[in-house]
Protein backbone atom coordinates (compact mmCIF):
# COMPACT_ATOMS: atom_id res chain seq x y z
CA MET A 1 50.79 -24.91 -4.40
CA ASN A 2 52.23 -22.89 -7.27
CA GLU A 3 49.80 -19.99 -7.39
CA GLU A 4 51.11 -18.50 -10.60
CA THR A 5 50.69 -21.78 -12.48
CA PHE A 6 47.26 -22.35 -10.92
CA VAL A 7 45.99 -18.87 -11.79
CA ALA A 8 47.41 -19.06 -15.33
CA SER A 9 45.64 -22.39 -15.95
CA ARG A 10 42.27 -21.15 -14.65
CA GLU A 11 42.19 -17.46 -15.52
CA SER A 12 40.60 -17.86 -18.94
CA GLU A 13 37.79 -19.97 -17.45
CA TRP A 14 37.18 -17.42 -14.72
CA HIS A 15 36.96 -14.65 -17.26
CA ARG A 16 34.56 -16.68 -19.39
CA PHE A 17 32.40 -17.41 -16.35
CA ARG A 18 32.23 -13.69 -15.54
CA VAL A 19 31.06 -12.99 -19.10
CA LEU A 20 28.31 -15.61 -18.77
CA CYS A 21 27.22 -14.19 -15.37
CA ASP A 22 26.96 -10.70 -16.83
CA LYS A 23 24.89 -12.02 -19.72
CA ALA A 24 22.55 -13.85 -17.32
CA ASP A 25 22.25 -10.88 -14.99
CA PHE A 26 18.57 -10.31 -15.86
CA SER A 27 17.64 -13.99 -16.22
CA PRO A 28 19.34 -17.35 -16.89
CA THR A 29 17.07 -17.64 -19.93
CA GLU A 30 19.33 -15.07 -21.61
CA LEU A 31 21.84 -17.90 -22.03
CA SER A 32 21.50 -20.42 -24.83
CA GLN A 33 21.32 -24.10 -23.92
CA ALA A 34 24.99 -24.60 -24.75
CA GLU A 35 25.98 -21.51 -22.76
CA PHE A 36 23.92 -22.62 -19.76
CA ARG A 37 25.58 -26.05 -19.77
CA GLU A 38 28.94 -24.28 -19.96
CA PHE A 39 27.86 -21.99 -17.12
CA LEU A 40 27.02 -24.98 -14.88
CA ARG A 41 30.32 -26.71 -15.70
CA LEU A 42 32.33 -23.60 -14.91
CA TYR A 43 30.33 -22.90 -11.74
CA ARG A 44 31.16 -26.35 -10.37
CA ARG A 45 34.79 -25.88 -11.38
CA ILE A 46 35.01 -22.51 -9.62
CA CYS A 47 33.48 -23.95 -6.42
CA ARG A 48 36.17 -26.65 -6.45
CA ASP A 49 38.85 -24.03 -7.12
CA LEU A 50 37.58 -22.00 -4.15
CA THR A 51 37.77 -25.02 -1.85
CA TYR A 52 41.24 -25.83 -3.14
CA VAL A 53 42.56 -22.30 -2.59
CA ARG A 54 41.07 -22.12 0.91
CA THR A 55 43.06 -25.18 1.98
CA ARG A 56 46.31 -24.40 0.15
CA SER A 57 46.75 -20.64 0.15
CA ASP A 58 46.40 -17.54 2.26
CA ASN A 59 46.18 -15.21 -0.74
CA VAL A 60 43.30 -12.94 0.29
CA ALA A 61 42.92 -11.31 -3.12
CA LEU A 62 42.61 -14.70 -4.84
CA LEU A 63 40.08 -15.89 -2.26
CA ASP A 64 38.03 -12.73 -2.72
CA LEU A 65 38.05 -13.17 -6.48
CA LEU A 66 36.82 -16.77 -6.31
CA ASN A 67 34.26 -15.90 -3.62
CA ASP A 68 32.90 -13.17 -5.84
CA LEU A 69 32.67 -15.49 -8.84
CA ALA A 70 30.98 -18.23 -6.81
CA GLY A 71 28.55 -15.72 -5.31
CA SER A 72 27.65 -14.35 -8.75
CA GLY A 73 26.99 -17.86 -10.03
CA TYR A 74 24.86 -18.68 -7.01
CA GLY A 75 22.86 -15.50 -7.52
CA VAL A 76 22.13 -16.43 -11.13
CA LEU A 77 21.02 -19.95 -10.23
CA TYR A 78 19.06 -19.45 -7.02
CA ARG A 79 17.75 -15.91 -6.89
CA THR A 80 14.03 -15.25 -6.90
CA ARG A 81 12.76 -14.90 -10.43
CA ARG A 82 11.93 -11.34 -11.32
CA GLY A 83 8.27 -11.01 -12.08
CA SER A 84 6.70 -8.99 -14.83
CA PRO A 85 5.44 -5.49 -13.98
CA ILE A 86 1.89 -6.88 -13.91
CA GLN A 87 2.90 -9.65 -11.50
CA LEU A 88 4.69 -7.17 -9.25
CA MET A 89 1.56 -4.99 -9.24
CA VAL A 90 -0.62 -7.99 -8.33
CA ASN A 91 1.79 -8.87 -5.54
CA GLY A 92 1.61 -5.31 -4.22
CA ILE A 93 -2.19 -5.40 -4.21
CA ALA A 94 -2.09 -8.73 -2.36
CA VAL A 95 0.22 -7.21 0.28
CA ALA A 96 -2.33 -4.39 0.78
CA ALA A 97 -5.18 -6.87 1.35
CA GLN A 98 -3.06 -9.01 3.68
CA THR A 99 -2.01 -5.96 5.71
CA VAL A 100 -5.61 -4.76 6.10
CA ARG A 101 -6.58 -8.22 7.38
CA ARG A 102 -3.58 -8.36 9.69
CA ARG A 103 -4.46 -4.96 11.18
CA ALA A 104 -8.20 -5.67 11.30
CA VAL A 105 -8.49 -4.52 14.92
CA PHE A 106 -7.23 -1.02 14.08
CA ILE A 107 -9.46 -0.94 10.98
CA ALA A 108 -12.49 -1.93 13.07
CA VAL A 109 -11.77 0.70 15.75
CA SER A 110 -11.28 3.34 13.05
CA ALA A 111 -14.58 2.41 11.38
CA MET A 112 -16.43 2.50 14.70
CA LEU A 113 -15.04 5.94 15.46
CA PHE A 114 -16.08 7.32 12.08
CA PHE A 115 -19.57 5.83 11.83
CA GLY A 116 -20.18 6.06 15.59
CA SER A 117 -19.50 9.81 15.42
CA ALA A 118 -21.86 10.11 12.45
CA PHE A 119 -24.70 8.42 14.34
CA LEU A 120 -23.95 10.35 17.52
CA THR A 121 -24.05 13.79 15.88
CA TYR A 122 -27.13 12.84 13.84
CA PHE A 123 -29.14 12.21 17.00
CA LEU A 124 -27.37 14.85 19.09
CA THR A 125 -28.19 17.71 16.71
CA GLY A 126 -31.74 16.44 16.54
CA TYR A 127 -32.24 16.61 20.30
CA VAL A 128 -29.88 19.53 21.00
CA PRO A 129 -29.86 21.72 17.85
CA GLU A 130 -27.53 24.27 19.47
CA THR A 131 -24.62 21.83 19.13
CA ARG A 132 -24.73 22.11 15.35
CA GLU A 133 -22.83 25.41 15.27
CA THR A 134 -20.03 23.90 17.32
CA LEU A 135 -19.69 20.82 15.13
CA ILE A 136 -19.57 22.49 11.71
CA PRO A 137 -16.36 24.35 10.75
CA GLU A 138 -16.56 27.68 8.98
CA GLY A 139 -16.81 27.46 5.21
CA PHE A 140 -18.89 24.28 5.13
CA GLU A 141 -22.30 25.94 5.11
CA GLN A 142 -22.21 26.53 1.36
CA ALA A 143 -21.50 22.87 0.70
CA PHE A 144 -24.29 21.91 3.08
CA GLU A 145 -26.71 24.22 1.27
CA GLY A 146 -26.10 22.33 -1.96
CA TRP A 147 -27.13 19.07 -0.32
CA ARG A 148 -30.16 20.66 1.34
CA SER A 149 -31.42 21.80 -2.06
CA GLY A 150 -31.82 18.16 -3.12
CA LYS A 151 -30.30 18.59 -6.55
CA PHE A 152 -26.91 18.67 -8.25
CA ASP A 153 -25.83 21.42 -10.60
CA GLU A 154 -25.04 20.47 -14.18
CA ARG A 155 -21.32 20.10 -14.91
CA THR A 156 -19.51 20.19 -18.19
CA ALA A 157 -16.86 17.57 -18.94
CA ASP A 158 -14.16 20.13 -18.19
CA GLU A 159 -15.75 21.01 -14.86
CA SER A 160 -15.99 17.32 -13.94
CA LEU A 161 -12.33 16.87 -14.84
CA MET A 162 -11.35 19.86 -12.71
CA ALA A 163 -13.38 18.50 -9.81
CA THR A 164 -11.72 15.11 -10.20
CA SER A 165 -8.29 16.75 -10.12
CA PHE A 166 -9.23 18.60 -6.95
CA TYR A 167 -10.49 15.47 -5.22
CA ALA A 168 -7.41 13.50 -6.32
CA SER A 169 -5.06 16.09 -4.84
CA ASN A 170 -6.93 17.26 -1.74
CA ASN A 171 -8.36 14.04 -0.29
CA PRO A 172 -5.15 11.95 -0.28
CA ARG A 173 -3.26 14.88 1.25
CA ALA A 174 -5.81 15.18 4.04
CA SER A 175 -5.53 11.46 4.82
CA LEU A 176 -1.74 11.52 4.85
CA THR A 177 -1.75 14.54 7.15
CA ALA A 178 -4.16 12.92 9.58
CA ALA A 179 -2.18 9.68 9.67
CA ALA A 180 1.22 11.38 9.96
CA ALA A 181 0.03 13.60 12.80
CA GLY A 182 -1.08 10.46 14.59
CA VAL A 183 2.55 9.54 15.24
CA SER A 184 3.41 12.73 17.13
CA THR A 185 0.13 12.76 19.08
CA PHE A 186 0.10 9.04 19.98
CA GLY A 187 -2.86 8.51 17.63
CA LEU A 188 -5.01 11.23 19.17
CA PHE A 189 -5.07 13.42 16.06
CA SER A 190 -6.13 10.45 13.94
CA ILE A 191 -8.96 9.78 16.38
CA TYR A 192 -9.95 13.45 16.27
CA SER A 193 -9.90 13.48 12.46
CA LEU A 194 -12.09 10.37 12.25
CA ALA A 195 -14.55 11.78 14.79
CA THR A 196 -14.84 15.18 13.12
CA ASN A 197 -15.26 13.75 9.61
CA GLY A 198 -17.85 11.26 10.77
CA GLY A 199 -19.52 13.95 12.87
CA MET A 200 -19.93 16.29 9.91
CA LEU A 201 -21.56 13.50 7.93
CA GLY A 202 -24.03 12.95 10.76
CA VAL A 203 -24.86 16.67 10.97
CA LEU A 204 -25.35 16.83 7.20
CA ALA A 205 -27.70 13.86 7.34
CA ARG A 206 -29.70 15.57 10.09
CA ASP A 207 -29.89 18.76 7.98
CA VAL A 208 -31.32 17.08 4.88
CA ALA A 209 -33.61 14.54 6.59
CA PRO A 210 -36.46 16.96 7.45
CA ARG A 211 -36.49 18.11 3.81
CA GLY A 212 -36.91 14.54 2.56
CA HIS A 213 -33.44 14.48 0.96
CA LEU A 214 -31.75 11.82 3.09
CA GLY A 215 -32.02 9.29 0.25
CA PHE A 216 -30.58 11.90 -2.11
CA LEU A 217 -27.61 12.43 0.24
CA LEU A 218 -26.87 8.76 0.80
CA SER A 219 -27.19 7.82 -2.88
CA GLY A 220 -25.00 10.79 -3.84
CA ILE A 221 -22.26 9.69 -1.45
CA TYR A 222 -22.61 5.94 -1.95
CA PRO A 223 -20.73 5.35 -5.26
CA HIS A 224 -17.55 7.25 -4.41
CA GLY A 225 -18.00 6.91 -0.68
CA VAL A 226 -17.25 3.18 -0.70
CA PRO A 227 -13.58 3.67 -1.69
CA GLU A 228 -13.24 7.18 -0.21
CA LEU A 229 -14.59 6.43 3.24
CA SER A 230 -12.62 3.17 3.21
CA GLY A 231 -9.54 5.28 2.52
CA ILE A 232 -10.34 7.62 5.43
CA ILE A 233 -10.86 4.68 7.77
CA ILE A 234 -7.65 2.92 6.67
CA ALA A 235 -5.66 6.16 7.02
CA GLY A 236 -7.08 6.56 10.52
CA ALA A 237 -6.08 2.98 11.32
CA ALA A 238 -2.53 3.70 10.12
CA GLY A 239 -2.32 6.77 12.37
CA MET A 240 -3.60 4.80 15.36
CA LEU A 241 -1.20 1.94 14.61
CA PHE A 242 1.76 4.32 14.67
CA GLY A 243 0.34 6.11 17.69
CA TRP A 244 -0.17 2.89 19.65
CA ALA A 245 3.36 1.73 18.83
CA ALA A 246 4.71 5.02 20.20
CA PHE A 247 2.40 5.05 23.23
CA ASN A 248 2.83 1.40 24.21
CA PRO A 249 6.29 0.19 23.10
CA GLY A 250 6.47 -2.46 25.81
CA ARG A 251 10.05 -3.45 26.58
CA ARG A 252 11.31 -1.99 23.30
CA SER A 253 12.37 1.57 22.72
CA ARG A 254 9.82 3.77 20.98
CA ALA A 255 12.04 3.92 17.91
CA GLU A 256 12.22 0.12 17.74
CA SER A 257 8.48 -0.20 18.32
CA LEU A 258 7.75 2.23 15.49
CA ARG A 259 10.21 0.44 13.21
CA LEU A 260 8.38 -2.86 13.73
CA VAL A 261 5.05 -1.42 12.59
CA ALA A 262 6.51 0.88 9.92
CA LYS A 263 5.99 -1.52 7.02
CA ASP A 264 2.34 -2.20 7.83
CA GLY A 265 1.72 1.47 8.55
CA MET A 266 3.18 2.59 5.23
CA VAL A 267 1.23 -0.09 3.34
CA LEU A 268 -1.98 1.13 4.99
CA LEU A 269 -1.15 4.72 4.05
CA GLY A 270 -0.41 3.72 0.46
CA THR A 271 -3.66 1.76 0.34
CA SER A 272 -5.56 4.77 1.67
CA VAL A 273 -4.10 7.09 -0.97
CA THR A 274 -4.85 4.58 -3.73
CA LEU A 275 -8.48 4.34 -2.62
CA MET A 276 -8.74 8.13 -2.67
CA PHE A 277 -7.45 8.19 -6.24
CA ILE A 278 -9.98 5.51 -7.21
CA ALA A 279 -12.79 7.53 -5.63
CA ALA A 280 -11.85 10.83 -7.33
CA PRO A 281 -13.15 10.14 -10.88
CA ILE A 282 -16.26 8.41 -9.52
CA GLU A 283 -17.00 11.50 -7.44
CA GLY A 284 -16.12 13.91 -10.24
CA PHE A 285 -18.03 12.28 -13.09
CA PHE A 286 -20.65 9.93 -11.61
CA SER A 287 -21.81 10.53 -8.03
CA PHE A 288 -22.72 14.21 -8.47
CA ASN A 289 -24.02 13.87 -12.01
CA PRO A 290 -27.73 14.92 -12.02
CA ASN A 291 -28.34 12.83 -15.14
CA VAL A 292 -27.53 9.56 -13.36
CA PRO A 293 -30.63 8.05 -11.71
CA MET A 294 -30.56 7.40 -7.98
CA ALA A 295 -31.18 3.69 -8.61
CA ALA A 296 -28.06 3.46 -10.76
CA LYS A 297 -25.95 5.08 -8.05
CA ILE A 298 -27.29 2.67 -5.45
CA ALA A 299 -26.62 -0.29 -7.77
CA VAL A 300 -23.04 0.82 -8.47
CA GLY A 301 -22.37 1.44 -4.78
CA THR A 302 -23.73 -1.98 -3.84
CA ILE A 303 -21.57 -3.68 -6.49
CA GLU A 304 -18.56 -1.85 -5.03
CA VAL A 305 -19.41 -3.01 -1.51
CA VAL A 306 -19.58 -6.64 -2.66
CA PHE A 307 -16.38 -6.34 -4.69
CA TRP A 308 -14.35 -4.68 -1.93
CA GLY A 309 -15.77 -7.02 0.68
CA ILE A 310 -14.56 -10.03 -1.29
CA PHE A 311 -11.24 -8.32 -2.02
CA TRP A 312 -10.40 -7.42 1.58
CA THR A 313 -11.39 -10.81 2.96
CA GLN A 314 -10.10 -13.15 0.24
CA PHE A 315 -7.49 -11.62 -2.06
CA GLY A 316 -3.92 -12.79 -1.44
CA LYS A 317 -4.98 -15.52 1.00
CA GLU A 318 -3.53 -18.44 -0.92
CA SER A 319 0.14 -17.55 -0.57
CA ALA A 320 2.40 -14.70 0.36
CA PRO A 321 3.32 -12.66 -2.71
CA ALA A 322 6.81 -12.80 -4.16
CA THR A 323 8.80 -9.67 -3.67
CA GLY A 324 10.79 -9.92 -6.85
CA GLU A 325 14.01 -9.29 -4.94
CA THR A 326 17.21 -11.24 -5.15
CA PRO A 327 18.09 -12.94 -1.86
CA THR A 328 21.44 -12.12 -0.31
CA VAL A 329 24.10 -14.65 -1.26
CA ASN A 330 26.61 -15.94 1.20
CA ALA A 331 29.39 -16.84 -1.15
CA GLN A 332 31.45 -18.42 1.60
CA SER A 333 28.86 -21.15 2.11
CA THR A 334 28.29 -21.73 -1.59
CA ALA A 335 31.25 -23.93 -2.10
């Protein structure tokens, strides 16, 4: 094989093929019909050249060049099509729903801890009132007094916006902290956070019930509580998932066990934060608005329950979402 003659006869085609690959880097549709036909012809020619050089030459640089060209061509032809930003967002939402379903056991345990604590403290403080002081942290009495009054203060649009900003910054941070601490405490801090948050809700319900304001409390929490409490529960599930992986790695190392659940755990955390952001404007502008009738709040909350119930159980069931990534090309096997 005369390499110099071979390279000289093919070099212009290789250069042209590289130009076409660069043009089609985003999508093959960037090529005109004539250019795409030329691309296919040159791709087949380069694959033959690669096979020829493999059997006739030990020139590593030439082999690498042809491998690179063949790999680039393969990537253009067979990579996963890049979706639009909207499609990528839909795929991400589907992944969230699929992950919640896949980790349903942790979600269920988290929900039982939260609502079980609420029911427990509701009845406990009724039968043993002295426990109330132990269950309520300092600084919460003022917030409780507002609920006991049975009415919401009027808010201007600016005040509602400020409240929304506070909820959108504070609540996601609290969830992330509770979930992250679950890793270092084998899930115990996540369990504690769920129990204390649920417990405070139960104590608050016991406080307002004798005053006839239990309906006021539940309707005031209902509209934003559907996404917000879902976020708390999902964050707790993420913390327990990480904690369980660290506590019970089986035959794997703890690092390997955590790595295997990392994707699902991070998706759950991201889902929790997103739900908190969704809840923030509802809480800031709607739930605590004294001009919104109780019936409207109940109706909105019920619509949310139906919507989220359908979403968590059905969305993304048909097929696994595309990732929009280009698969790794093994150029050596292309030819």
